[in-house]
Amino acid sequence: TQPLRRVSLRARSDGQLLTLNADVGDPVFQGQVI
């Protein structure tokens, strides 16, 4: 089994990663700032 789609969420700017609000297994929603 594999997901319908697999997406790599990438950074689009340079700098320090200040916050990251999701971990493995967490559900996320379209438009949610992660």
Full PDB file with SEQRES, HELIX, SHEET, SSBOND, CRYST1, ORIGX, SCALE, CONECT and MASTER records, all heavy atoms in Angstrom:
SEQRES   1 A   34  THR GLN PRO LEU ARG ARG VAL SER LEU ARG ALA ARG SER          
SEQRES   2 A   34  ASP GLY GLN LEU LEU THR LEU ASN ALA ASP VAL GLY ASP          
SEQRES   3 A   34  PRO VAL PHE GLN GLY GLN VAL ILE                              
CRYST1    1.000    1.000    1.000  90.00  90.00  90.00 P 1           1          
ORIGX1      1.000000  0.000000  0.000000        0.00000                         
ORIGX2      0.000000  1.000000  0.000000        0.00000                         
ORIGX3      0.000000  0.000000  1.000000        0.00000                         
SCALE1      1.000000  0.000000  0.000000        0.00000                         
SCALE2      0.000000  1.000000  0.000000        0.00000                         
SCALE3      0.000000  0.000000  1.000000        0.00000                         
ATOM      1  N   THR A   1       0.837  -1.194   0.000  1.00  0.00           N  
ATOM      2  CA  THR A   1       0.000   0.000   0.000  1.00  0.00           C  
ATOM      3  C   THR A   1       0.874   1.246   0.000  1.00  0.00           C  
ATOM      4  O   THR A   1       1.969   1.265   0.565  1.00  0.00           O  
ATOM      5  CB  THR A   1      -0.920   0.021   1.231  1.00  0.00           C  
ATOM      6  OG1 THR A   1      -0.116   0.034   2.427  1.00  0.00           O  
ATOM      7  CG2 THR A   1      -1.837  -1.174   1.250  1.00  0.00           C  
ATOM      8  N   GLN A   2       0.362   2.283  -0.636  1.00  0.00           N  
ATOM      9  CA  GLN A   2       1.030   3.571  -0.656  1.00  0.00           C  
ATOM     10  C   GLN A   2      -0.027   4.660  -0.792  1.00  0.00           C  
ATOM     11  O   GLN A   2      -1.144   4.394  -1.243  1.00  0.00           O  
ATOM     12  CB  GLN A   2       2.029   3.651  -1.808  1.00  0.00           C  
ATOM     13  CG  GLN A   2       1.418   3.432  -3.180  1.00  0.00           C  
ATOM     14  CD  GLN A   2       2.469   3.386  -4.268  1.00  0.00           C  
ATOM     15  OE1 GLN A   2       3.647   3.501  -4.011  1.00  0.00           O  
ATOM     16  NE2 GLN A   2       2.030   3.238  -5.504  1.00  0.00           N  
ATOM     17  N   PRO A   3       0.286   5.895  -0.365  1.00  0.00           N  
ATOM     18  CA  PRO A   3      -0.722   6.961  -0.432  1.00  0.00           C  
ATOM     19  C   PRO A   3      -1.052   7.335  -1.863  1.00  0.00           C  
ATOM     20  O   PRO A   3      -0.274   7.077  -2.792  1.00  0.00           O  
ATOM     21  CB  PRO A   3      -0.046   8.130   0.314  1.00  0.00           C  
ATOM     22  CG  PRO A   3       1.416   7.849   0.215  1.00  0.00           C  
ATOM     23  CD  PRO A   3       1.561   6.364   0.225  1.00  0.00           C  
ATOM     24  N   LEU A   4      -2.236   7.949  -2.016  1.00  0.00           N  
ATOM     25  CA  LEU A   4      -2.653   8.411  -3.339  1.00  0.00           C  
ATOM     26  C   LEU A   4      -1.649   9.408  -3.909  1.00  0.00           C  
ATOM     27  O   LEU A   4      -1.296   9.362  -5.082  1.00  0.00           O  
ATOM     28  CB  LEU A   4      -4.038   9.063  -3.239  1.00  0.00           C  
ATOM     29  CG  LEU A   4      -4.593   9.693  -4.519  1.00  0.00           C  
ATOM     30  CD1 LEU A   4      -4.849   8.622  -5.561  1.00  0.00           C  
ATOM     31  CD2 LEU A   4      -5.865  10.467  -4.220  1.00  0.00           C  
ATOM     32  N   ARG A   5      -1.184  10.312  -3.054  1.00  0.00           N  
ATOM     33  CA  ARG A   5      -0.148  11.273  -3.451  1.00  0.00           C  
ATOM     34  C   ARG A   5       0.873  11.388  -2.338  1.00  0.00           C  
ATOM     35  O   ARG A   5       0.538  11.302  -1.157  1.00  0.00           O  
ATOM     36  CB  ARG A   5      -0.748  12.654  -3.734  1.00  0.00           C  
ATOM     37  CG  ARG A   5      -1.517  12.763  -5.016  1.00  0.00           C  
ATOM     38  CD  ARG A   5      -1.936  14.196  -5.286  1.00  0.00           C  
ATOM     39  NE  ARG A   5      -2.911  14.668  -4.310  1.00  0.00           N  
ATOM     40  CZ  ARG A   5      -3.298  15.927  -4.187  1.00  0.00           C  
ATOM     41  NH1 ARG A   5      -2.785  16.856  -4.970  1.00  0.00           N  
ATOM     42  NH2 ARG A   5      -4.211  16.269  -3.294  1.00  0.00           N  
ATOM     43  N   ARG A   6       2.109  11.610  -2.710  1.00  0.00           N  
ATOM     44  CA  ARG A   6       3.193  11.843  -1.760  1.00  0.00           C  
ATOM     45  C   ARG A   6       3.866  13.157  -2.135  1.00  0.00           C  
ATOM     46  O   ARG A   6       4.287  13.324  -3.287  1.00  0.00           O  
ATOM     47  CB  ARG A   6       4.192  10.688  -1.790  1.00  0.00           C  
ATOM     48  CG  ARG A   6       5.245  10.767  -0.683  1.00  0.00           C  
ATOM     49  CD  ARG A   6       6.248   9.633  -0.811  1.00  0.00           C  
ATOM     50  NE  ARG A   6       7.250   9.714   0.234  1.00  0.00           N  
ATOM     51  CZ  ARG A   6       7.284   8.937   1.303  1.00  0.00           C  
ATOM     52  NH1 ARG A   6       6.344   8.008   1.447  1.00  0.00           N  
ATOM     53  NH2 ARG A   6       8.227   9.067   2.205  1.00  0.00           N  
ATOM     54  N   VAL A   7       3.930  14.084  -1.181  1.00  0.00           N  
ATOM     55  CA  VAL A   7       4.417  15.439  -1.450  1.00  0.00           C  
ATOM     56  C   VAL A   7       5.557  15.761  -0.497  1.00  0.00           C  
ATOM     57  O   VAL A   7       5.465  15.489   0.712  1.00  0.00           O  
ATOM     58  CB  VAL A   7       3.289  16.483  -1.287  1.00  0.00           C  
ATOM     59  CG1 VAL A   7       3.829  17.891  -1.489  1.00  0.00           C  
ATOM     60  CG2 VAL A   7       2.169  16.198  -2.268  1.00  0.00           C  
ATOM     61  N   SER A   8       6.618  16.353  -1.043  1.00  0.00           N  
ATOM     62  CA  SER A   8       7.721  16.858  -0.224  1.00  0.00           C  
ATOM     63  C   SER A   8       7.469  18.338   0.054  1.00  0.00           C  
ATOM     64  O   SER A   8       7.420  19.147  -0.871  1.00  0.00           O  
ATOM     65  CB  SER A   8       9.063  16.678  -0.937  1.00  0.00           C  
ATOM     66  OG  SER A   8       9.353  15.310  -1.132  1.00  0.00           O  
ATOM     67  N   LEU A   9       7.290  18.675   1.319  1.00  0.00           N  
ATOM     68  CA  LEU A   9       7.082  20.079   1.715  1.00  0.00           C  
ATOM     69  C   LEU A   9       8.452  20.726   1.864  1.00  0.00           C  
ATOM     70  O   LEU A   9       9.233  20.356   2.747  1.00  0.00           O  
ATOM     71  CB  LEU A   9       6.298  20.138   3.026  1.00  0.00           C  
ATOM     72  CG  LEU A   9       5.790  21.524   3.435  1.00  0.00           C  
ATOM     73  CD1 LEU A   9       4.745  22.013   2.440  1.00  0.00           C  
ATOM     74  CD2 LEU A   9       5.202  21.481   4.834  1.00  0.00           C  
ATOM     75  N   ARG A  10       8.750  21.709   1.011  1.00  0.00           N  
ATOM     76  CA  ARG A  10      10.083  22.302   0.939  1.00  0.00           C  
ATOM     77  C   ARG A  10      10.063  23.755   1.379  1.00  0.00           C  
ATOM     78  O   ARG A  10       9.062  24.460   1.218  1.00  0.00           O  
ATOM     79  CB  ARG A  10      10.637  22.216  -0.490  1.00  0.00           C  
ATOM     80  CG  ARG A  10      10.776  20.793  -1.005  1.00  0.00           C  
ATOM     81  CD  ARG A  10      11.251  20.767  -2.441  1.00  0.00           C  
ATOM     82  NE  ARG A  10      11.343  19.401  -2.957  1.00  0.00           N  
ATOM     83  CZ  ARG A  10      12.423  18.646  -2.865  1.00  0.00           C  
ATOM     84  NH1 ARG A  10      13.517  19.136  -2.279  1.00  0.00           N  
ATOM     85  NH2 ARG A  10      12.435  17.415  -3.346  1.00  0.00           N  
ATOM     86  N   ALA A  11      11.209  24.196   1.942  1.00  0.00           N  
ATOM     87  CA  ALA A  11      11.385  25.617   2.259  1.00  0.00           C  
ATOM     88  C   ALA A  11      11.560  26.395   0.964  1.00  0.00           C  
ATOM     89  O   ALA A  11      12.187  25.918   0.009  1.00  0.00           O  
ATOM     90  CB  ALA A  11      12.608  25.798   3.155  1.00  0.00           C  
ATOM     91  N   ARG A  12      10.975  27.610   0.925  1.00  0.00           N  
ATOM     92  CA  ARG A  12      11.102  28.446  -0.273  1.00  0.00           C  
ATOM     93  C   ARG A  12      11.857  29.738   0.010  1.00  0.00           C  
ATOM     94  O   ARG A  12      11.885  30.633  -0.829  1.00  0.00           O  
ATOM     95  CB  ARG A  12       9.717  28.757  -0.829  1.00  0.00           C  
ATOM     96  CG  ARG A  12       8.999  27.509  -1.349  1.00  0.00           C  
ATOM     97  CD  ARG A  12       7.763  27.861  -2.116  1.00  0.00           C  
ATOM     98  NE  ARG A  12       6.711  28.402  -1.262  1.00  0.00           N  
ATOM     99  CZ  ARG A  12       5.558  28.888  -1.696  1.00  0.00           C  
ATOM    100  NH1 ARG A  12       5.306  28.891  -2.996  1.00  0.00           N  
ATOM    101  NH2 ARG A  12       4.656  29.357  -0.853  1.00  0.00           N  
ATOM    102  N   SER A  13      12.465  29.823   1.183  1.00  0.00           N  
ATOM    103  CA  SER A  13      13.302  30.979   1.508  1.00  0.00           C  
ATOM    104  C   SER A  13      14.446  30.510   2.402  1.00  0.00           C  
ATOM    105  O   SER A  13      14.383  29.423   2.996  1.00  0.00           O  
ATOM    106  CB  SER A  13      12.484  32.068   2.211  1.00  0.00           C  
ATOM    107  OG  SER A  13      11.988  31.590   3.451  1.00  0.00           O  
ATOM    108  N   ASP A  14      15.475  31.308   2.453  1.00  0.00           N  
ATOM    109  CA  ASP A  14      16.656  30.981   3.257  1.00  0.00           C  
ATOM    110  C   ASP A  14      16.518  31.585   4.651  1.00  0.00           C  
ATOM    111  O   ASP A  14      15.939  32.663   4.822  1.00  0.00           O  
ATOM    112  CB  ASP A  14      17.923  31.516   2.591  1.00  0.00           C  
ATOM    113  CG  ASP A  14      18.109  30.975   1.183  1.00  0.00           C  
ATOM    114  OD1 ASP A  14      17.517  29.918   0.895  1.00  0.00           O  
ATOM    115  OD2 ASP A  14      18.831  31.607   0.390  1.00  0.00           O  
ATOM    116  N   GLY A  15      17.074  30.906   5.638  1.00  0.00           N  
ATOM    117  CA  GLY A  15      17.065  31.445   6.999  1.00  0.00           C  
ATOM    118  C   GLY A  15      16.944  30.341   8.030  1.00  0.00           C  
ATOM    119  O   GLY A  15      17.031  29.145   7.714  1.00  0.00           O  
ATOM    120  N   GLN A  16      16.705  30.762   9.249  1.00  0.00           N  
ATOM    121  CA  GLN A  16      16.560  29.801  10.342  1.00  0.00           C  
ATOM    122  C   GLN A  16      15.105  29.350  10.456  1.00  0.00           C  
ATOM    123  O   GLN A  16      14.181  30.143  10.329  1.00  0.00           O  
ATOM    124  CB  GLN A  16      17.015  30.437  11.655  1.00  0.00           C  
ATOM    125  CG  GLN A  16      17.054  29.464  12.826  1.00  0.00           C  
ATOM    126  CD  GLN A  16      17.539  30.130  14.096  1.00  0.00           C  
ATOM    127  OE1 GLN A  16      17.242  31.305  14.331  1.00  0.00           O  
ATOM    128  NE2 GLN A  16      18.278  29.413  14.909  1.00  0.00           N  
ATOM    129  N   LEU A  17      14.921  28.051  10.667  1.00  0.00           N  
ATOM    130  CA  LEU A  17      13.581  27.508  10.862  1.00  0.00           C  
ATOM    131  C   LEU A  17      13.131  27.853  12.279  1.00  0.00           C  
ATOM    132  O   LEU A  17      13.665  27.322  13.255  1.00  0.00           O  
ATOM    133  CB  LEU A  17      13.589  25.995  10.640  1.00  0.00           C  
ATOM    134  CG  LEU A  17      12.235  25.285  10.673  1.00  0.00           C  
ATOM    135  CD1 LEU A  17      11.336  25.791   9.553  1.00  0.00           C  
ATOM    136  CD2 LEU A  17      12.419  23.779  10.560  1.00  0.00           C  
ATOM    137  N   LEU A  18      12.143  28.757  12.378  1.00  0.00           N  
ATOM    138  CA  LEU A  18      11.705  29.244  13.687  1.00  0.00           C  
ATOM    139  C   LEU A  18      10.735  28.283  14.351  1.00  0.00           C  
ATOM    140  O   LEU A  18      10.883  27.952  15.531  1.00  0.00           O  
ATOM    141  CB  LEU A  18      11.075  30.631  13.546  1.00  0.00           C  
ATOM    142  CG  LEU A  18      11.992  31.732  12.995  1.00  0.00           C  
ATOM    143  CD1 LEU A  18      11.229  33.045  12.894  1.00  0.00           C  
ATOM    144  CD2 LEU A  18      13.224  31.883  13.871  1.00  0.00           C  
ATOM    145  N   THR A  19       9.712  27.828  13.627  1.00  0.00           N  
ATOM    146  CA  THR A  19       8.704  26.939  14.214  1.00  0.00           C  
ATOM    147  C   THR A  19       8.389  25.804  13.251  1.00  0.00           C  
ATOM    148  O   THR A  19       8.482  25.961  12.033  1.00  0.00           O  
ATOM    149  CB  THR A  19       7.404  27.701  14.532  1.00  0.00           C  
ATOM    150  OG1 THR A  19       6.851  28.240  13.313  1.00  0.00           O  
ATOM    151  CG2 THR A  19       7.647  28.824  15.514  1.00  0.00           C  
ATOM    152  N   LEU A  20       7.994  24.652  13.815  1.00  0.00           N  
ATOM    153  CA  LEU A  20       7.556  23.507  13.042  1.00  0.00           C  
ATOM    154  C   LEU A  20       6.482  22.809  13.867  1.00  0.00           C  
ATOM    155  O   LEU A  20       6.764  22.240  14.926  1.00  0.00           O  
ATOM    156  CB  LEU A  20       8.718  22.557  12.755  1.00  0.00           C  
ATOM    157  CG  LEU A  20       8.437  21.340  11.872  1.00  0.00           C  
ATOM    158  CD1 LEU A  20       7.820  21.757  10.552  1.00  0.00           C  
ATOM    159  CD2 LEU A  20       9.712  20.540  11.627  1.00  0.00           C  
ATOM    160  N   ASN A  21       5.230  22.901  13.399  1.00  0.00           N  
ATOM    161  CA  ASN A  21       4.083  22.544  14.228  1.00  0.00           C  
ATOM    162  C   ASN A  21       3.500  21.169  13.928  1.00  0.00           C  
ATOM    163  O   ASN A  21       2.348  20.913  14.282  1.00  0.00           O  
ATOM    164  CB  ASN A  21       2.979  23.598  14.047  1.00  0.00           C  
ATOM    165  CG  ASN A  21       3.477  24.990  14.369  1.00  0.00           C  
ATOM    166  OD1 ASN A  21       4.247  25.177  15.306  1.00  0.00           O  
ATOM    167  ND2 ASN A  21       3.061  25.963  13.573  1.00  0.00           N  
ATOM    168  N   ALA A  22       4.229  20.289  13.285  1.00  0.00           N  
ATOM    169  CA  ALA A  22       3.694  18.967  12.960  1.00  0.00           C  
ATOM    170  C   ALA A  22       4.802  17.936  13.079  1.00  0.00           C  
ATOM    171  O   ALA A  22       5.980  18.236  12.843  1.00  0.00           O  
ATOM    172  CB  ALA A  22       3.095  18.940  11.565  1.00  0.00           C  
ATOM    173  N   ASP A  23       4.415  16.725  13.455  1.00  0.00           N  
ATOM    174  CA  ASP A  23       5.362  15.625  13.580  1.00  0.00           C  
ATOM    175  C   ASP A  23       4.803  14.409  12.847  1.00  0.00           C  
ATOM    176  O   ASP A  23       3.672  14.425  12.349  1.00  0.00           O  
ATOM    177  CB  ASP A  23       5.619  15.313  15.050  1.00  0.00           C  
ATOM    178  CG  ASP A  23       7.010  14.718  15.263  1.00  0.00           C  
ATOM    179  OD1 ASP A  23       7.581  14.188  14.292  1.00  0.00           O  
ATOM    180  OD2 ASP A  23       7.523  14.783  16.401  1.00  0.00           O  
ATOM    181  N   VAL A  24       5.590  13.342  12.781  1.00  0.00           N  
ATOM    182  CA  VAL A  24       5.213  12.140  12.052  1.00  0.00           C  
ATOM    183  C   VAL A  24       3.887  11.591  12.590  1.00  0.00           C  
ATOM    184  O   VAL A  24       3.702  11.436  13.797  1.00  0.00           O  
ATOM    185  CB  VAL A  24       6.315  11.073  12.169  1.00  0.00           C  
ATOM    186  CG1 VAL A  24       5.876   9.775  11.503  1.00  0.00           C  
ATOM    187  CG2 VAL A  24       7.605  11.571  11.550  1.00  0.00           C  
ATOM    188  N   GLY A  25       2.962  11.331  11.668  1.00  0.00           N  
ATOM    189  CA  GLY A  25       1.667  10.788  12.030  1.00  0.00           C  
ATOM    190  C   GLY A  25       0.591  11.828  12.242  1.00  0.00           C  
ATOM    191  O   GLY A  25      -0.597  11.477  12.318  1.00  0.00           O  
ATOM    192  N   ASP A  26       0.966  13.114  12.330  1.00  0.00           N  
ATOM    193  CA  ASP A  26      -0.028  14.165  12.549  1.00  0.00           C  
ATOM    194  C   ASP A  26      -0.791  14.446  11.260  1.00  0.00           C  
ATOM    195  O   ASP A  26      -0.188  14.532  10.181  1.00  0.00           O  
ATOM    196  CB  ASP A  26       0.642  15.453  13.034  1.00  0.00           C  
ATOM    197  CG  ASP A  26       1.218  15.316  14.428  1.00  0.00           C  
ATOM    198  OD1 ASP A  26       0.831  14.353  15.119  1.00  0.00           O  
ATOM    199  OD2 ASP A  26       2.056  16.153  14.815  1.00  0.00           O  
ATOM    200  N   PRO A  27      -2.109  14.657  11.354  1.00  0.00           N  
ATOM    201  CA  PRO A  27      -2.853  15.107  10.173  1.00  0.00           C  
ATOM    202  C   PRO A  27      -2.667  16.604   9.972  1.00  0.00           C  
ATOM    203  O   PRO A  27      -2.586  17.372  10.937  1.00  0.00           O  
ATOM    204  CB  PRO A  27      -4.298  14.757  10.529  1.00  0.00           C  
ATOM    205  CG  PRO A  27      -4.335  14.815  12.026  1.00  0.00           C  
ATOM    206  CD  PRO A  27      -2.987  14.378  12.511  1.00  0.00           C  
ATOM    207  N   VAL A  28      -2.592  17.031   8.741  1.00  0.00           N  
ATOM    208  CA  VAL A  28      -2.492  18.449   8.402  1.00  0.00           C  
ATOM    209  C   VAL A  28      -3.547  18.747   7.340  1.00  0.00           C  
ATOM    210  O   VAL A  28      -4.011  17.843   6.642  1.00  0.00           O  
ATOM    211  CB  VAL A  28      -1.081  18.825   7.899  1.00  0.00           C  
ATOM    212  CG1 VAL A  28      -0.053  18.662   8.991  1.00  0.00           C  
ATOM    213  CG2 VAL A  28      -0.699  17.994   6.680  1.00  0.00           C  
ATOM    214  N   PHE A  29      -3.900  20.024   7.220  1.00  0.00           N  
ATOM    215  CA  PHE A  29      -4.986  20.424   6.332  1.00  0.00           C  
ATOM    216  C   PHE A  29      -4.483  21.448   5.323  1.00  0.00           C  
ATOM    217  O   PHE A  29      -3.543  22.203   5.584  1.00  0.00           O  
ATOM    218  CB  PHE A  29      -6.148  20.990   7.145  1.00  0.00           C  
ATOM    219  CG  PHE A  29      -6.623  20.051   8.222  1.00  0.00           C  
ATOM    220  CD1 PHE A  29      -6.186  20.190   9.527  1.00  0.00           C  
ATOM    221  CD2 PHE A  29      -7.474  19.001   7.903  1.00  0.00           C  
ATOM    222  CE1 PHE A  29      -6.590  19.313  10.522  1.00  0.00           C  
ATOM    223  CE2 PHE A  29      -7.894  18.119   8.889  1.00  0.00           C  
ATOM    224  CZ  PHE A  29      -7.446  18.271  10.204  1.00  0.00           C  
ATOM    225  N   GLN A  30      -5.113  21.457   4.179  1.00  0.00           N  
ATOM    226  CA  GLN A  30      -4.698  22.358   3.105  1.00  0.00           C  
ATOM    227  C   GLN A  30      -4.761  23.805   3.583  1.00  0.00           C  
ATOM    228  O   GLN A  30      -5.775  24.252   4.112  1.00  0.00           O  
ATOM    229  CB  GLN A  30      -5.580  22.165   1.887  1.00  0.00           C  
ATOM    230  CG  GLN A  30      -5.148  22.989   0.681  1.00  0.00           C  
ATOM    231  CD  GLN A  30      -5.970  22.652  -0.550  1.00  0.00           C  
ATOM    232  OE1 GLN A  30      -6.927  21.890  -0.471  1.00  0.00           O  
ATOM    233  NE2 GLN A  30      -5.602  23.216  -1.689  1.00  0.00           N  
ATOM    234  N   GLY A  31      -3.673  24.553   3.388  1.00  0.00           N  
ATOM    235  CA  GLY A  31      -3.597  25.943   3.804  1.00  0.00           C  
ATOM    236  C   GLY A  31      -3.092  26.143   5.221  1.00  0.00           C  
ATOM    237  O   GLY A  31      -2.766  27.282   5.607  1.00  0.00           O  
ATOM    238  N   GLN A  32      -3.002  25.099   6.010  1.00  0.00           N  
ATOM    239  CA  GLN A  32      -2.521  25.221   7.388  1.00  0.00           C  
ATOM    240  C   GLN A  32      -1.030  25.543   7.387  1.00  0.00           C  
ATOM    241  O   GLN A  32      -0.238  24.879   6.731  1.00  0.00           O  
ATOM    242  CB  GLN A  32      -2.772  23.907   8.137  1.00  0.00           C  
ATOM    243  CG  GLN A  32      -2.205  23.887   9.548  1.00  0.00           C  
ATOM    244  CD  GLN A  32      -2.345  22.508  10.191  1.00  0.00           C  
ATOM    245  OE1 GLN A  32      -3.061  21.647   9.681  1.00  0.00           O  
ATOM    246  NE2 GLN A  32      -1.672  22.306  11.310  1.00  0.00           N  
ATOM    247  N   VAL A  33      -0.643  26.607   8.126  1.00  0.00           N  
ATOM    248  CA  VAL A  33       0.761  26.988   8.223  1.00  0.00           C  
ATOM    249  C   VAL A  33       1.445  26.006   9.173  1.00  0.00           C  
ATOM    250  O   VAL A  33       1.138  25.958  10.366  1.00  0.00           O  
ATOM    251  CB  VAL A  33       0.917  28.435   8.715  1.00  0.00           C  
ATOM    252  CG1 VAL A  33       2.398  28.761   8.902  1.00  0.00           C  
ATOM    253  CG2 VAL A  33       0.297  29.398   7.714  1.00  0.00           C  
ATOM    254  N   ILE A  34       2.382  25.245   8.625  1.00  0.00           N  
ATOM    255  CA  ILE A  34       3.045  24.206   9.408  1.00  0.00           C  
ATOM    256  C   ILE A  34       4.378  24.688   9.960  1.00  0.00           C  
ATOM    257  O   ILE A  34       4.764  24.326  11.075  1.00  0.00           O  
ATOM    258  CB  ILE A  34       3.258  22.960   8.534  1.00  0.00           C  
ATOM    259  CG1 ILE A  34       1.911  22.431   8.034  1.00  0.00           C  
ATOM    260  CG2 ILE A  34       3.994  21.869   9.290  1.00  0.00           C  
ATOM    261  CD1 ILE A  34       2.024  21.275   7.084  1.00  0.00           C  
TER     262      ILE A  34                                                      
MASTER        0    0    0    0    0    0    0    6  261    1    0    3          
END                                                                             
